[in-house]
C-alpha atoms as a PDB file:
ATOM      1  CA  UNK A   1       0.012  -0.003   0.005  1.00  0.00           C
ATOM      2  CA  UNK A   2       1.505   3.331  -1.123  1.00  0.00           C
ATOM      3  CA  UNK A   3       1.039   5.849   1.754  1.00  0.00           C
ATOM      4  CA  UNK A   4       2.445   9.410   1.617  1.00  0.00           C
ATOM      5  CA  UNK A   5       2.554  10.979   5.142  1.00  0.00           C
ATOM      6  CA  UNK A   6       2.673  14.762   5.552  1.00  0.00           C
ATOM      7  CA  UNK A   7       2.952  16.933   8.596  1.00  0.00           C
ATOM      8  CA  UNK A   8       0.738  19.703   7.279  1.00  0.00           C
ATOM      9  CA  UNK A   9      -0.849  20.660   3.943  1.00  0.00           C
ATOM     10  CA  UNK A  10      -3.688  22.915   2.719  1.00  0.00           C
ATOM     11  CA  UNK A  11      -5.794  19.988   1.411  1.00  0.00           C
ATOM     12  CA  UNK A  12      -4.930  16.348   0.854  1.00  0.00           C
ATOM     13  CA  UNK A  13      -7.241  16.217  -2.093  1.00  0.00           C
ATOM     14  CA  UNK A  14      -5.488  19.181  -3.717  1.00  0.00           C
ATOM     15  CA  UNK A  15      -2.050  17.683  -2.945  1.00  0.00           C
ATOM     16  CA  UNK A  16      -2.947  14.282  -4.451  1.00  0.00           C
ATOM     17  CA  UNK A  17      -4.402  15.808  -7.601  1.00  0.00           C
ATOM     18  CA  UNK A  18      -1.288  17.932  -8.087  1.00  0.00           C
ATOM     19  CA  UNK A  19       1.067  15.083  -7.424  1.00  0.00           C
ATOM     20  CA  UNK A  20      -0.716  12.917  -9.896  1.00  0.00           C
ATOM     21  CA  UNK A  21       0.170  15.380 -12.695  1.00  0.00           C
ATOM     22  CA  UNK A  22       3.810  14.443 -12.723  1.00  0.00           C
ATOM     23  CA  UNK A  23       4.194  11.289 -10.577  1.00  0.00           C
ATOM     24  CA  UNK A  24       3.279   7.665 -11.236  1.00  0.00           C
ATOM     25  CA  UNK A  25       1.047   6.643  -8.347  1.00  0.00           C
ATOM     26  CA  UNK A  26      -0.402   3.264  -7.456  1.00  0.00           C
ATOM     27  CA  UNK A  27      -4.087   2.574  -7.440  1.00  0.00           C
ATOM     28  CA  UNK A  28      -5.460   3.268  -3.893  1.00  0.00           C
ATOM     29  CA  UNK A  29      -2.445   5.500  -3.173  1.00  0.00           C
ATOM     30  CA  UNK A  30      -3.043   7.368   0.063  1.00  0.00           C
ATOM     31  CA  UNK A  31      -2.007  10.899   1.138  1.00  0.00           C
ATOM     32  CA  UNK A  32      -2.501  11.568   4.830  1.00  0.00           C
ATOM     33  CA  UNK A  33      -1.622  14.535   7.015  1.00  0.00           C
ATOM     34  CA  UNK A  34      -1.619  15.524  10.652  1.00  0.00           C
ATOM     35  CA  UNK A  35      -3.180  18.866   9.765  1.00  0.00           C
ATOM     36  CA  UNK A  36      -4.729  20.554   6.790  1.00  0.00           C
ATOM     37  CA  UNK A  37      -5.333  24.290   6.726  1.00  0.00           C
ATOM     38  CA  UNK A  38      -8.023  24.306   4.081  1.00  0.00           C
ATOM     39  CA  UNK A  39      -9.893  21.100   4.538  1.00  0.00           C
ATOM     40  CA  UNK A  40     -12.948  20.957   2.354  1.00  0.00           C
ATOM     41  CA  UNK A  41     -16.427  19.495   2.664  1.00  0.00           C
ATOM     42  CA  UNK A  42     -19.290  19.537   0.187  1.00  0.00           C
ATOM     43  CA  UNK A  43     -19.831  22.841  -1.681  1.00  0.00           C
ATOM     44  CA  UNK A  44     -16.951  24.607   0.066  1.00  0.00           C
ATOM     45  CA  UNK A  45     -17.832  23.733   3.657  1.00  0.00           C
ATOM     46  CA  UNK A  46     -14.758  23.396   5.897  1.00  0.00           C
ATOM     47  CA  UNK A  47     -13.580  20.336   7.758  1.00  0.00           C
ATOM     48  CA  UNK A  48     -12.114  21.426  11.097  1.00  0.00           C
ATOM     49  CA  UNK A  49      -9.729  19.085  12.867  1.00  0.00           C
ATOM     50  CA  UNK A  50      -7.311  19.331  15.834  1.00  0.00           C
ATOM     51  CA  UNK A  51      -3.726  18.752  14.746  1.00  0.00           C
ATOM     52  CA  UNK A  52      -2.578  15.175  15.006  1.00  0.00           C
ATOM     53  CA  UNK A  53      -5.738  13.823  16.542  1.00  0.00           C
ATOM     54  CA  UNK A  54      -7.751  12.549  13.647  1.00  0.00           C
ATOM     55  CA  UNK A  55      -7.460  10.755  10.313  1.00  0.00           C
ATOM     56  CA  UNK A  56      -7.287  13.221   7.363  1.00  0.00           C
ATOM     57  CA  UNK A  57      -6.527  11.561   4.127  1.00  0.00           C
ATOM     58  CA  UNK A  58      -7.245  11.152   0.407  1.00  0.00           C
ATOM     59  CA  UNK A  59      -7.265   7.958  -1.682  1.00  0.00           C
ATOM     60  CA  UNK A  60      -6.660   7.722  -5.430  1.00  0.00           C
ATOM     61  CA  UNK A  61      -8.910   5.352  -7.327  1.00  0.00           C
ATOM     62  CA  UNK A  62      -7.962   4.968 -10.954  1.00  0.00           C
ATOM     63  CA  UNK A  63     -10.666   4.056 -13.479  1.00  0.00           C
ATOM     64  CA  UNK A  64     -13.386   3.419 -10.911  1.00  0.00           C
ATOM     65  CA  UNK A  65     -16.006   0.943 -11.995  1.00  0.00           C
ATOM     66  CA  UNK A  66     -18.732   3.522 -11.872  1.00  0.00           C
ATOM     67  CA  UNK A  67     -20.384   5.086 -14.966  1.00  0.00           C
ATOM     68  CA  UNK A  68     -21.616   8.542 -15.478  1.00  0.00           C
ATOM     69  CA  UNK A  69     -24.099   9.843 -14.369  1.00  0.00           C
ATOM     70  CA  UNK A  70     -24.210   7.242 -11.601  1.00  0.00           C
ATOM     71  CA  UNK A  71     -21.077   8.469  -9.805  1.00  0.00           C
ATOM     72  CA  UNK A  72     -22.931   8.706  -6.568  1.00  0.00           C
ATOM     73  CA  UNK A  73     -22.118   4.974  -6.188  1.00  0.00           C
ATOM     74  CA  UNK A  74     -18.658   6.134  -5.241  1.00  0.00           C
ATOM     75  CA  UNK A  75     -20.207   7.795  -2.149  1.00  0.00           C
ATOM     76  CA  UNK A  76     -22.131   4.622  -1.458  1.00  0.00           C
ATOM     77  CA  UNK A  77     -18.987   2.425  -1.602  1.00  0.00           C
ATOM     78  CA  UNK A  78     -16.904   4.788   0.552  1.00  0.00           C
ATOM     79  CA  UNK A  79     -19.681   5.320   3.099  1.00  0.00           C
ATOM     80  CA  UNK A  80     -20.196   1.593   3.579  1.00  0.00           C
ATOM     81  CA  UNK A  81     -16.352   1.101   3.912  1.00  0.00           C
ATOM     82  CA  UNK A  82     -16.259   3.616   6.752  1.00  0.00           C
ATOM     83  CA  UNK A  83     -19.346   2.113   8.474  1.00  0.00           C
ATOM     84  CA  UNK A  84     -17.885  -1.393   8.354  1.00  0.00           C
ATOM     85  CA  UNK A  85     -14.596  -0.147   9.725  1.00  0.00           C
ATOM     86  CA  UNK A  86     -16.320   1.643  12.607  1.00  0.00           C
ATOM     87  CA  UNK A  87     -18.383  -1.431  13.368  1.00  0.00           C
ATOM     88  CA  UNK A  88     -15.135  -3.347  13.716  1.00  0.00           C
ATOM     89  CA  UNK A  89     -14.327  -0.959  16.600  1.00  0.00           C
ATOM     90  CA  UNK A  90     -17.804  -1.469  18.090  1.00  0.00           C
ATOM     91  CA  UNK A  91     -19.004   2.105  17.391  1.00  0.00           C
ATOM     92  CA  UNK A  92     -22.677   2.119  18.107  1.00  0.00           C
ATOM     93  CA  UNK A  93     -25.795   3.270  16.234  1.00  0.00           C
ATOM     94  CA  UNK A  94     -24.140   4.028  12.918  1.00  0.00           C
ATOM     95  CA  UNK A  95     -26.012   5.755  10.116  1.00  0.00           C
ATOM     96  CA  UNK A  96     -25.239   7.381   6.791  1.00  0.00           C
ATOM     97  CA  UNK A  97     -26.706  10.906   6.547  1.00  0.00           C
ATOM     98  CA  UNK A  98     -27.224  11.885   2.919  1.00  0.00           C
ATOM     99  CA  UNK A  99     -25.161  12.836   1.064  1.00  0.00           C
ATOM    100  CA  UNK A 100     -21.778  12.361   2.766  1.00  0.00           C
ATOM    101  CA  UNK A 101     -21.801  12.203   6.564  1.00  0.00           C
ATOM    102  CA  UNK A 102     -21.359   9.187   8.850  1.00  0.00           C
ATOM    103  CA  UNK A 103     -23.171   9.482  12.217  1.00  0.00           C
ATOM    104  CA  UNK A 104     -22.939   7.625  15.465  1.00  0.00           C
ATOM    105  CA  UNK A 105     -26.063   8.033  17.596  1.00  0.00           C
ATOM    106  CA  UNK A 106     -26.982  11.274  15.658  1.00  0.00           C
ATOM    107  CA  UNK A 107     -23.444  12.722  16.034  1.00  0.00           C
ATOM    108  CA  UNK A 108     -21.216  13.321  12.999  1.00  0.00           C
ATOM    109  CA  UNK A 109     -18.030  11.250  13.157  1.00  0.00           C
ATOM    110  CA  UNK A 110     -16.849  11.323   9.545  1.00  0.00           C
ATOM    111  CA  UNK A 111     -17.264  13.164   6.320  1.00  0.00           C
ATOM    112  CA  UNK A 112     -16.474  12.452   2.653  1.00  0.00           C
ATOM    113  CA  UNK A 113     -15.576  14.628  -0.317  1.00  0.00           C
ATOM    114  CA  UNK A 114     -15.095  12.886  -3.695  1.00  0.00           C
ATOM    115  CA  UNK A 115     -13.673  14.727  -6.708  1.00  0.00           C
ATOM    116  CA  UNK A 116     -13.721  13.107 -10.126  1.00  0.00           C
ATOM    117  CA  UNK A 117     -11.565  13.750 -13.225  1.00  0.00           C
ATOM    118  CA  UNK A 118     -13.772  13.213 -16.329  1.00  0.00           C
ATOM    119  CA  UNK A 119     -12.234  12.172 -19.639  1.00  0.00           C
ATOM    120  CA  UNK A 120     -14.074  11.067 -22.750  1.00  0.00           C
ATOM    121  CA  UNK A 121     -17.373  10.884 -20.903  1.00  0.00           C
ATOM    122  CA  UNK A 122     -16.041   8.565 -18.233  1.00  0.00           C
ATOM    123  CA  UNK A 123     -14.363   8.888 -14.866  1.00  0.00           C
ATOM    124  CA  UNK A 124     -10.624   8.747 -15.406  1.00  0.00           C
ATOM    125  CA  UNK A 125      -9.801   8.842 -11.673  1.00  0.00           C
ATOM    126  CA  UNK A 126     -11.372   9.776  -8.378  1.00  0.00           C
ATOM    127  CA  UNK A 127      -9.784  11.519  -5.382  1.00  0.00           C
ATOM    128  CA  UNK A 128     -11.611  10.365  -2.323  1.00  0.00           C
ATOM    129  CA  UNK A 129     -11.184  12.715   0.678  1.00  0.00           C
ATOM    130  CA  UNK A 130     -12.107  11.352   4.132  1.00  0.00           C
ATOM    131  CA  UNK A 131     -12.052  13.049   7.505  1.00  0.00           C
ATOM    132  CA  UNK A 132     -12.626  10.750  10.497  1.00  0.00           C
ATOM    133  CA  UNK A 133     -12.737  11.982  14.086  1.00  0.00           C
ATOM    134  CA  UNK A 134     -10.536   9.664  16.029  1.00  0.00           C
ATOM    135  CA  UNK A 135      -8.860  11.013  19.180  1.00  0.00           C
ATOM    136  CA  UNK A 136     -10.178  14.560  19.337  1.00  0.00           C
ATOM    137  CA  UNK A 137     -12.535  15.106  22.231  1.00  0.00           C
ATOM    138  CA  UNK A 138     -13.450  18.781  22.166  1.00  0.00           C
ATOM    139  CA  UNK A 139     -15.483  20.250  19.288  1.00  0.00           C
ATOM    140  CA  UNK A 140     -16.113  23.852  20.229  1.00  0.00           C
ATOM    141  CA  UNK A 141     -19.433  25.102  18.949  1.00  0.00           C
ATOM    142  CA  UNK A 142     -20.263  21.799  17.323  1.00  0.00           C
ATOM    143  CA  UNK A 143     -22.697  19.960  19.661  1.00  0.00           C
ATOM    144  CA  UNK A 144     -23.574  17.304  17.079  1.00  0.00           C
ATOM    145  CA  UNK A 145     -20.032  16.099  16.471  1.00  0.00           C
ATOM    146  CA  UNK A 146     -18.229  13.198  18.200  1.00  0.00           C
ATOM    147  CA  UNK A 147     -15.166  10.975  17.830  1.00  0.00           C
ATOM    148  CA  UNK A 148     -14.139   7.380  18.321  1.00  0.00           C
ATOM    149  CA  UNK A 149     -12.295   8.199  21.587  1.00  0.00           C
ATOM    150  CA  UNK A 150     -15.257  10.080  22.994  1.00  0.00           C
ATOM    151  CA  UNK A 151     -17.544   7.105  22.206  1.00  0.00           C
ATOM    152  CA  UNK A 152     -15.229   4.256  23.291  1.00  0.00           C
ATOM    153  CA  UNK A 153     -13.435   6.018  26.091  1.00  0.00           C
ATOM    154  CA  UNK A 154      -9.978   5.063  24.914  1.00  0.00           C
ATOM    155  CA  UNK A 155      -7.456   6.295  22.280  1.00  0.00           C
ATOM    156  CA  UNK A 156      -7.269   4.582  18.896  1.00  0.00           C
ATOM    157  CA  UNK A 157      -4.113   3.703  16.932  1.00  0.00           C
ATOM    158  CA  UNK A 158      -4.546   5.797  13.788  1.00  0.00           C
ATOM    159  CA  UNK A 159      -2.167   3.788  11.617  1.00  0.00           C
ATOM    160  CA  UNK A 160      -3.980   0.532  12.264  1.00  0.00           C
ATOM    161  CA  UNK A 161      -7.308   2.315  11.706  1.00  0.00           C
ATOM    162  CA  UNK A 162      -6.157   3.737   8.327  1.00  0.00           C
ATOM    163  CA  UNK A 163      -5.028   0.304   7.097  1.00  0.00           C
ATOM    164  CA  UNK A 164      -8.329  -1.289   8.040  1.00  0.00           C
ATOM    165  CA  UNK A 165     -10.274   1.466   6.369  1.00  0.00           C
ATOM    166  CA  UNK A 166      -8.295   1.345   3.095  1.00  0.00           C
ATOM    167  CA  UNK A 167      -8.623  -2.466   3.085  1.00  0.00           C
ATOM    168  CA  UNK A 168     -12.413  -2.087   3.387  1.00  0.00           C
ATOM    169  CA  UNK A 169     -12.459   0.437   0.554  1.00  0.00           C
ATOM    170  CA  UNK A 170     -10.654  -2.054  -1.648  1.00  0.00           C
ATOM    171  CA  UNK A 171     -13.085  -4.812  -0.634  1.00  0.00           C
ATOM    172  CA  UNK A 172     -16.117  -2.749  -1.491  1.00  0.00           C
ATOM    173  CA  UNK A 173     -14.790  -1.658  -4.878  1.00  0.00           C
ATOM    174  CA  UNK A 174     -14.076  -5.347  -5.614  1.00  0.00           C
ATOM    175  CA  UNK A 175     -17.535  -6.363  -4.540  1.00  0.00           C
ATOM    176  CA  UNK A 176     -19.112  -3.673  -6.712  1.00  0.00           C
ATOM    177  CA  UNK A 177     -17.073  -4.807  -9.726  1.00  0.00           C
ATOM    178  CA  UNK A 178     -18.071  -8.432  -9.254  1.00  0.00           C
ATOM    179  CA  UNK A 179     -21.618  -8.278  -7.981  1.00  0.00           C
ATOM    180  CA  UNK A 180     -22.982  -4.989  -9.322  1.00  0.00           C
ATOM    181  CA  UNK A 181     -24.765  -2.070  -7.726  1.00  0.00           C
ATOM    182  CA  UNK A 182     -27.877  -3.730  -6.377  1.00  0.00           C
ATOM    183  CA  UNK A 183     -26.137  -5.407  -3.472  1.00  0.00           C
ATOM    184  CA  UNK A 184     -24.514  -2.211  -2.304  1.00  0.00           C
ATOM    185  CA  UNK A 185     -27.650  -0.074  -2.857  1.00  0.00           C
ATOM    186  CA  UNK A 186     -29.626  -2.270  -0.511  1.00  0.00           C
ATOM    187  CA  UNK A 187     -26.926  -2.213   2.173  1.00  0.00           C
ATOM    188  CA  UNK A 188     -26.550   1.588   1.813  1.00  0.00           C
ATOM    189  CA  UNK A 189     -30.263   2.167   2.317  1.00  0.00           C
ATOM    190  CA  UNK A 190     -30.258  -0.054   5.356  1.00  0.00           C
ATOM    191  CA  UNK A 191     -27.978   2.523   7.039  1.00  0.00           C
ATOM    192  CA  UNK A 192     -29.649   5.661   5.568  1.00  0.00           C
ATOM    193  CA  UNK A 193     -30.376   8.150   8.318  1.00  0.00           C
ATOM    194  CA  UNK A 194     -34.086   8.823   8.987  1.00  0.00           C
ATOM    195  CA  UNK A 195     -35.231   6.472   6.231  1.00  0.00           C
ATOM    196  CA  UNK A 196     -38.933   5.791   6.381  1.00  0.00           C
ATOM    197  CA  UNK A 197     -39.429   8.158   9.291  1.00  0.00           C
ATOM    198  CA  UNK A 198     -41.282  11.530   9.281  1.00  0.00           C
ATOM    199  CA  UNK A 199     -38.562  14.207   9.249  1.00  0.00           C
ATOM    200  CA  UNK A 200     -38.357  18.011   8.909  1.00  0.00           C
ATOM    201  CA  UNK A 201     -36.590  19.578   5.906  1.00  0.00           C
ATOM    202  CA  UNK A 202     -35.502  23.079   5.033  1.00  0.00           C
ATOM    203  CA  UNK A 203     -35.428  24.614   1.531  1.00  0.00           C
ATOM    204  CA  UNK A 204     -32.814  27.221   0.489  1.00  0.00           C
ATOM    205  CA  UNK A 205     -35.414  29.985   1.121  1.00  0.00           C
ATOM    206  CA  UNK A 206     -35.735  28.634   4.728  1.00  0.00           C
ATOM    207  CA  UNK A 207     -39.213  27.171   4.088  1.00  0.00           C
ATOM    208  CA  UNK A 208     -39.791  24.131   6.270  1.00  0.00           C
ATOM    209  CA  UNK A 209     -41.742  21.049   5.307  1.00  0.00           C
ATOM    210  CA  UNK A 210     -42.319  17.529   6.588  1.00  0.00           C
ATOM    211  CA  UNK A 211     -41.531  14.485   4.493  1.00  0.00           C
ATOM    212  CA  UNK A 212     -40.355  10.872   4.670  1.00  0.00           C
ATOM    213  CA  UNK A 213     -37.033   9.758   3.161  1.00  0.00           C
ATOM    214  CA  UNK A 214     -37.668   6.831   0.857  1.00  0.00           C
ATOM    215  CA  UNK A 215     -34.175   6.358  -0.594  1.00  0.00           C
ATOM    216  CA  UNK A 216     -31.580   7.765  -2.950  1.00  0.00           C
ATOM    217  CA  UNK A 217     -31.636   7.679  -6.773  1.00  0.00           C
ATOM    218  CA  UNK A 218     -28.821   6.349  -8.910  1.00  0.00           C
ATOM    219  CA  UNK A 219     -27.830   9.933  -9.598  1.00  0.00           C
ATOM    220  CA  UNK A 220     -27.578  10.576  -5.857  1.00  0.00           C
ATOM    221  CA  UNK A 221     -30.768  12.566  -5.367  1.00  0.00           C
ATOM    222  CA  UNK A 222     -32.676  12.190  -2.149  1.00  0.00           C
ATOM    223  CA  UNK A 223     -36.194  10.781  -2.665  1.00  0.00           C
ATOM    224  CA  UNK A 224     -38.624  12.405  -0.183  1.00  0.00           C
ATOM    225  CA  UNK A 225     -42.308  11.471   0.068  1.00  0.00           C
ATOM    226  CA  UNK A 226     -44.431  14.510   0.622  1.00  0.00           C
ATOM    227  CA  UNK A 227     -48.181  14.953   0.975  1.00  0.00           C
ATOM    228  CA  UNK A 228     -48.923  15.140  -2.718  1.00  0.00           C
ATOM    229  CA  UNK A 229     -46.029  13.231  -4.335  1.00  0.00           C
ATOM    230  CA  UNK A 230     -42.521  11.858  -3.961  1.00  0.00           C
ATOM    231  CA  UNK A 231     -39.940  14.386  -5.016  1.00  0.00           C
ATOM    232  CA  UNK A 232     -36.252  14.160  -5.679  1.00  0.00           C
ATOM    233  CA  UNK A 233     -33.764  16.731  -4.262  1.00  0.00           C
ATOM    234  CA  UNK A 234     -30.186  17.388  -5.398  1.00  0.00           C
ATOM    235  CA  UNK A 235     -27.297  18.319  -3.164  1.00  0.00           C
ATOM    236  CA  UNK A 236     -27.957  21.691  -1.421  1.00  0.00           C
ATOM    237  CA  UNK A 237     -31.596  21.777  -2.638  1.00  0.00           C
ATOM    238  CA  UNK A 238     -32.769  20.562   0.721  1.00  0.00           C
ATOM    239  CA  UNK A 239     -31.429  20.257   4.261  1.00  0.00           C
ATOM    240  CA  UNK A 240     -32.481  17.591   6.729  1.00  0.00           C
ATOM    241  CA  UNK A 241     -33.027  19.061  10.184  1.00  0.00           C
ATOM    242  CA  UNK A 242     -32.294  16.771  13.112  1.00  0.00           C
END
């Protein structure tokens, strides 16, 4: 396993994409850092992490077995890989909050940001950015955030955790290639946060409405049953309040 360890960087995703321009890298190459100054989440949101306490890394996946416009399956594969790794450590009440957060008992423990390079109407490579709260215990101003140490009451070896997580990512990509999307779709929806439960949502204009999450489309849109019909919402078109 090719792992590049850095002390500090602006963004592991940016570093890996730049490195790939002039360096031959292995499939599933990993760039990890103790601290990143400009960690990114979806649509420019920041990922804040205490230096040296958490896992901050990016994974290169060459020629992922996912076709456009169904690239949301990358999120599905990575989300399930994280969940299975956390289950190995006996993290309780795990759920996947659409589109890219992993929760433990309603508290965010991990986030994902996937950036794809498109060439000739296919995905040439994907850079999979993952932030996982491991040994940080204080999250100032973030009451709905937790970490593995906070949950388990003991510190976690980050190197061992990283290797387990990368192994699970490799397993899920292999499973997807061999068995197809149906098997992972069903497993993903079994972990989907608030699925089949009445929930409150907020639109960009701050309008609130009640609906029931029924699943996620192949394009990654959230399917929400409302009073009159089931509607599909894209990223940032709706916010689930919880």
